[in-house]
Amino acid sequence: MTSATVRIHDRSRSNGRAYAGGMWLRGLCRDCNSFAGANYDAAYADFTMALETYTRARQRLHLPGEPAPPIRLAPGRVARSILIGMFATTPHLRVMFPGLADDLRERRDHITMPDGATLRLGLHRSRGTRLASMFNGHRVLKYRQYYDVFSEVYFRPLAWALTPSDRWDDESAGESVFDQQRWATVNDWLQYGDDVTATDLRNLCPRGVPLVHHPLLGGRNEEWIEFLSDEVTAIVEGEIPV
């Protein structure tokens, strides 16, 4: 494996001299990164901070359970923030869903998730983190199950996955991990414009936001077969310090 310094000159991206070892990952160009930071990333940060604050308070006060945490957020801005990041780590999305890429870049107020893709959300409280682009896996021991994503982000307190909309036709593949864990589907968050800044999460996810875990994170992959491409898939794993 080699790594290299990324260079951008006259709006053109290239790699510097390659070095043995290390790793590299695709990201946003300067313009797109600044675009996301100026318009959407602050709303995402506010959302995660509100979740962290509520989680700490709930542990102290022993509040009763509820379908979803009673916090407010800007759903359109949050969904756009995570999707722009997914387009960076999974460049094939630009070819698969060019209309969605254009809608995000043009800051359209009401965006419809294209056929074939579903944006899913869960709560993730583990220190373990994982960011990955396109891959799929099949559980072959104990029972049948499958995991199929275009892009995913597990970073406490949230987990996100952009998944294919269609179920596997082969019943022998078993149940989708996302269905088994009852992840929330949040495609309609893209229908909210930038002017909507304080919507209750309980109204956005009336069926709740489940606590989820990645079946392959933390050395639990001995029961799985993974399918990925060394030209397409990037996987980064780590841990958040205590």
Protein backbone atom coordinates (compact mmCIF):
# COMPACT_ATOMS: atom_id res chain seq x y z
CA MET A 1 0.00 0.00 0.00
CA THR A 2 1.19 3.52 -0.74
CA SER A 3 0.15 7.00 0.34
CA ALA A 4 0.70 10.37 -1.26
CA THR A 5 0.15 14.06 -0.60
CA VAL A 6 -2.91 15.45 -2.37
CA ARG A 7 -2.24 18.52 -4.50
CA ILE A 8 -4.77 20.86 -6.09
CA HIS A 9 -3.53 23.34 -8.68
CA ASP A 10 -5.78 25.40 -11.00
CA ARG A 11 -8.77 23.45 -9.67
CA SER A 12 -7.17 20.18 -10.73
CA ARG A 13 -6.44 17.43 -8.21
CA SER A 14 -3.31 15.28 -8.42
CA ASN A 15 -1.14 13.17 -6.14
CA GLY A 16 2.40 13.92 -5.11
CA ARG A 17 5.20 11.40 -4.79
CA ALA A 18 3.99 8.05 -3.49
CA TYR A 19 5.40 6.62 -0.27
CA ALA A 20 5.21 3.04 0.94
CA GLY A 21 2.79 2.41 3.79
CA GLY A 22 0.09 4.61 5.28
CA MET A 23 -3.37 5.16 3.88
CA TRP A 24 -5.30 7.72 1.90
CA LEU A 25 -8.96 8.57 1.47
CA ARG A 26 -10.93 10.60 -1.03
CA GLY A 27 -12.42 13.84 0.23
CA LEU A 28 -14.04 17.05 -0.93
CA CYS A 29 -12.24 19.66 -2.95
CA ARG A 30 -11.64 23.00 -1.25
CA ASP A 31 -14.70 24.68 -2.81
CA CYS A 32 -17.11 21.88 -1.89
CA ASN A 33 -15.65 21.52 1.58
CA SER A 34 -16.08 25.25 2.18
CA PHE A 35 -19.60 25.06 0.73
CA ALA A 36 -20.62 22.31 3.17
CA GLY A 37 -18.93 24.03 6.08
CA ALA A 38 -20.55 27.38 5.43
CA ASN A 39 -24.08 26.06 4.94
CA TYR A 40 -24.66 22.71 6.65
CA ASP A 41 -21.93 21.38 8.93
CA ALA A 42 -22.74 23.71 11.84
CA ALA A 43 -26.30 22.33 11.93
CA TYR A 44 -24.90 18.80 12.02
CA ALA A 45 -22.58 19.73 14.90
CA ASP A 46 -25.49 21.31 16.80
CA PHE A 47 -27.50 18.10 16.35
CA THR A 48 -24.75 15.86 17.73
CA MET A 49 -24.06 18.20 20.66
CA ALA A 50 -27.75 18.24 21.57
CA LEU A 51 -27.82 14.44 21.49
CA GLU A 52 -24.72 14.20 23.68
CA THR A 53 -26.14 16.69 26.19
CA TYR A 54 -29.46 14.89 26.36
CA THR A 55 -27.78 11.48 26.75
CA ARG A 56 -25.72 12.69 29.71
CA ALA A 57 -28.78 14.29 31.37
CA ARG A 58 -30.89 11.20 30.83
CA GLN A 59 -28.29 9.02 32.56
CA ARG A 60 -28.38 11.27 35.62
CA LEU A 61 -32.12 11.88 35.78
CA HIS A 62 -33.34 8.39 34.80
CA LEU A 63 -35.97 9.80 32.48
CA PRO A 64 -38.58 7.43 31.08
CA GLY A 65 -38.11 6.08 27.59
CA GLU A 66 -39.58 7.77 24.53
CA PRO A 67 -39.77 7.00 20.79
CA ALA A 68 -36.92 9.43 20.01
CA PRO A 69 -34.86 11.94 22.00
CA PRO A 70 -36.81 15.21 22.52
CA ILE A 71 -34.34 17.49 20.81
CA ARG A 72 -34.62 19.97 17.96
CA LEU A 73 -32.60 20.15 14.77
CA ALA A 74 -32.48 21.51 11.22
CA PRO A 75 -33.34 18.29 9.33
CA GLY A 76 -32.64 19.56 5.82
CA ARG A 77 -29.25 20.98 6.72
CA VAL A 78 -28.26 17.86 8.67
CA ALA A 79 -29.21 15.48 5.86
CA ARG A 80 -27.37 17.60 3.30
CA SER A 81 -24.27 17.72 5.48
CA ILE A 82 -23.97 13.93 5.76
CA LEU A 83 -24.84 13.30 2.12
CA ILE A 84 -22.23 15.74 0.84
CA GLY A 85 -19.68 13.85 2.92
CA MET A 86 -20.86 10.56 1.45
CA PHE A 87 -20.43 11.90 -2.07
CA ALA A 88 -16.84 12.68 -1.14
CA THR A 89 -15.96 9.23 0.21
CA THR A 90 -17.96 7.35 -2.46
CA PRO A 91 -17.26 9.06 -5.81
CA HIS A 92 -19.39 6.51 -7.69
CA LEU A 93 -22.48 8.19 -6.22
CA ARG A 94 -21.96 11.09 -8.63
CA VAL A 95 -22.39 8.69 -11.54
CA MET A 96 -25.21 6.68 -9.99
CA PHE A 97 -27.24 9.67 -8.74
CA PRO A 98 -26.21 12.76 -10.74
CA GLY A 99 -29.53 14.51 -10.07
CA LEU A 100 -29.02 14.29 -6.32
CA ALA A 101 -25.48 15.64 -6.69
CA ASP A 102 -26.81 18.62 -8.68
CA ASP A 103 -29.60 19.27 -6.17
CA LEU A 104 -27.11 19.35 -3.30
CA ARG A 105 -24.66 21.58 -5.14
CA GLU A 106 -27.38 24.02 -6.24
CA ARG A 107 -28.82 24.23 -2.68
CA ARG A 108 -32.33 23.39 -3.83
CA ASP A 109 -34.90 23.80 -1.06
CA HIS A 110 -36.84 20.58 -1.61
CA ILE A 111 -34.88 17.52 -2.69
CA THR A 112 -36.32 14.08 -3.42
CA MET A 113 -34.15 11.06 -2.73
CA PRO A 114 -33.68 9.23 -6.04
CA ASP A 115 -35.15 5.80 -6.67
CA GLY A 116 -32.76 3.11 -5.57
CA ALA A 117 -31.32 4.85 -2.50
CA THR A 118 -32.42 5.21 1.12
CA LEU A 119 -30.82 7.34 3.84
CA ARG A 120 -30.96 5.64 7.25
CA LEU A 121 -30.21 6.86 10.77
CA GLY A 122 -29.43 5.22 14.10
CA LEU A 123 -27.96 6.10 17.48
CA HIS A 124 -24.41 4.83 17.98
CA ARG A 125 -22.94 5.04 21.48
CA SER A 126 -19.84 2.90 21.03
CA ARG A 127 -16.34 4.39 21.00
CA GLY A 128 -15.69 2.39 17.86
CA THR A 129 -15.91 4.40 14.64
CA ARG A 130 -16.14 3.35 11.03
CA LEU A 131 -16.35 5.23 7.75
CA ALA A 132 -16.71 3.20 4.57
CA SER A 133 -17.79 3.50 0.98
CA MET A 134 -19.49 0.91 -1.21
CA PHE A 135 -19.42 -2.73 -0.04
CA ASN A 136 -21.62 -5.59 1.08
CA GLY A 137 -21.35 -8.55 3.37
CA HIS A 138 -23.20 -11.81 4.10
CA ARG A 139 -23.41 -13.64 7.39
CA VAL A 140 -22.82 -17.32 6.65
CA LEU A 141 -22.53 -18.77 10.18
CA LYS A 142 -25.28 -19.21 12.82
CA TYR A 143 -27.95 -17.60 10.63
CA ARG A 144 -28.34 -15.75 7.33
CA GLN A 145 -28.16 -11.97 7.17
CA TYR A 146 -26.81 -9.36 4.77
CA TYR A 147 -25.40 -5.84 4.95
CA ASP A 148 -25.35 -3.69 1.81
CA VAL A 149 -24.34 0.00 1.64
CA PHE A 150 -23.33 2.70 -0.80
CA SER A 151 -21.75 4.65 2.06
CA GLU A 152 -21.75 4.59 5.86
CA VAL A 153 -20.61 6.69 8.82
CA TYR A 154 -20.48 5.39 12.40
CA PHE A 155 -19.27 8.17 14.68
CA ARG A 156 -20.76 8.61 18.13
CA PRO A 157 -23.50 9.59 18.79
CA LEU A 158 -24.87 8.83 15.30
CA ALA A 159 -24.71 6.19 12.61
CA TRP A 160 -25.70 6.89 9.01
CA ALA A 161 -26.03 4.58 6.02
CA LEU A 162 -26.97 5.22 2.41
CA THR A 163 -28.37 1.89 1.30
CA PRO A 164 -29.95 0.39 -1.82
CA SER A 165 -33.73 0.59 -1.66
CA ASP A 166 -34.38 -2.84 -3.13
CA ARG A 167 -34.38 -5.95 -0.99
CA TRP A 168 -32.36 -8.97 -2.04
CA ASP A 169 -34.50 -11.27 -4.16
CA ASP A 170 -32.68 -14.35 -2.91
CA GLU A 171 -34.44 -15.41 0.30
CA SER A 172 -31.40 -17.46 1.28
CA ALA A 173 -29.55 -14.18 1.95
CA GLY A 174 -31.71 -13.67 5.03
CA GLU A 175 -32.77 -10.35 6.53
CA SER A 176 -31.08 -7.00 6.08
CA VAL A 177 -29.19 -5.78 9.16
CA PHE A 178 -30.95 -2.42 8.74
CA ASP A 179 -34.38 -4.02 8.88
CA GLN A 180 -33.41 -6.25 11.79
CA GLN A 181 -32.13 -3.27 13.83
CA ARG A 182 -35.07 -1.10 12.69
CA TRP A 183 -33.02 1.85 11.47
CA ALA A 184 -34.99 5.06 10.89
CA THR A 185 -35.53 6.08 7.27
CA VAL A 186 -34.94 9.82 6.86
CA ASN A 187 -35.26 10.42 3.11
CA ASP A 188 -37.90 13.08 3.71
CA TRP A 189 -35.47 15.25 5.69
CA LEU A 190 -34.26 16.49 2.31
CA GLN A 191 -37.71 18.01 1.74
CA TYR A 192 -36.97 20.57 4.46
CA GLY A 193 -35.29 23.77 3.31
CA ASP A 194 -32.58 25.77 5.01
CA ASP A 195 -35.22 27.94 6.69
CA VAL A 196 -36.42 25.05 8.90
CA THR A 197 -34.03 25.11 11.85
CA ALA A 198 -35.85 23.70 14.90
CA THR A 199 -37.95 20.59 14.26
CA ASP A 200 -38.55 18.07 17.04
CA LEU A 201 -36.81 14.76 16.36
CA ARG A 202 -39.82 12.92 17.79
CA ASN A 203 -41.94 14.31 14.96
CA LEU A 204 -39.32 13.53 12.34
CA CYS A 205 -38.93 9.92 13.54
CA PRO A 206 -42.24 8.93 15.15
CA ARG A 207 -41.22 5.26 15.20
CA GLY A 208 -38.06 6.09 17.09
CA VAL A 209 -34.33 6.15 16.42
CA PRO A 210 -32.86 2.79 17.47
CA LEU A 211 -29.55 2.11 19.13
CA VAL A 212 -27.55 0.31 16.45
CA HIS A 213 -24.23 -1.46 16.06
CA HIS A 214 -22.12 -2.42 13.07
CA PRO A 215 -21.97 -6.21 12.61
CA LEU A 216 -18.37 -6.03 11.34
CA LEU A 217 -16.96 -3.42 13.72
CA GLY A 218 -14.79 -4.43 16.62
CA GLY A 219 -13.57 -7.82 15.41
CA ARG A 220 -17.04 -9.38 14.99
CA ASN A 221 -16.55 -10.33 11.34
CA GLU A 222 -15.57 -13.99 11.70
CA GLU A 223 -19.13 -15.03 10.80
CA TRP A 224 -19.22 -12.90 7.66
CA ILE A 225 -18.01 -12.91 4.06
CA GLU A 226 -17.27 -9.40 2.76
CA PHE A 227 -17.37 -8.27 -0.87
CA LEU A 228 -15.54 -5.11 -1.84
CA SER A 229 -13.29 -3.62 -4.51
CA ASP A 230 -9.80 -2.32 -3.85
CA GLU A 231 -10.49 0.32 -6.54
CA VAL A 232 -13.81 1.51 -5.12
CA THR A 233 -14.05 0.73 -1.40
CA ALA A 234 -12.36 2.69 1.35
CA ILE A 235 -12.75 1.61 4.98
CA VAL A 236 -11.41 3.52 7.97
CA GLU A 237 -11.90 2.26 11.53
CA GLY A 238 -10.79 3.63 14.89
CA GLU A 239 -11.88 4.57 18.40
CA ILE A 240 -12.94 7.83 20.03
CA PRO A 241 -10.79 8.49 23.12
CA VAL A 242 -12.61 8.33 26.44
